Amino acid sequence: MPFAVILPKSLPNLEDFRSCPLFFLAGPILGADDWQAEMTEILKQMTGGDCLVVNPSRYPPEHPLYAHRLDGSGDFFDSQTLWERHYLTAAGEAWPLGCILFWLREESRERPRTDGEPYARDTRGEIGEWRWRLKMNPQARVVMGAEPNFPGLSVIRKINEDAVPGKLPILPSMEAVARRAVSLALNPR
């Protein structure tokens, strides 16, 4: 199968892709640099281009990844939040070969969040939900990594270890996160 990207709020027909690993890129968007494009390229290389990447970034048509998007219904989901929850569940639990990749990128110095909301606000909620899901379902497929100065990283690390000991370590690089995600996705327990 060829490489493809699913962008908000598309709901493409994925039946022809059931044998492909499905990766959801979870982490800050507003105020972060475009780490999603970087992670997508790493996943593409590690899978030999045989993967689907769900990317919640709202890329314009001139973005290089836009050309790889799968078309589909764009009005099925009432909000991007519902779209994200659908694909988070698919990648983490429902899709035969999949994984959620949390990458906690530091806030951009050049383009920080400017809307008055806390950086990585939505990501923190998603981390809490998937930490809980991993606790309830040890078969859930979730990986996490972070840059060293991500705000609150020591708290996230401590809660991960207390809630799911040894199950959700915070890896130090995008490559390590991708490598672990590909391993979990391609070797379901």
Foldseek 3Di string as FASTA:
>chain_A
DAAAEAEAPFDADCPVLLVAEEEEEFEFDQQFDPVVVVLSVLLCVVVVRRHYYYYHDPDDCVDPRNVRYDHHDNVPDPDSVVSSVVSLCCQFPNRLFHAYEYEYEAGDPVRGHDPPDDTRVVRVVVLVVVLVVCLVPVQTHYEAAYAPVRPPVVVSQVVSCVSPNPSYHHDHDSNVRSVSGNVCRVDRD
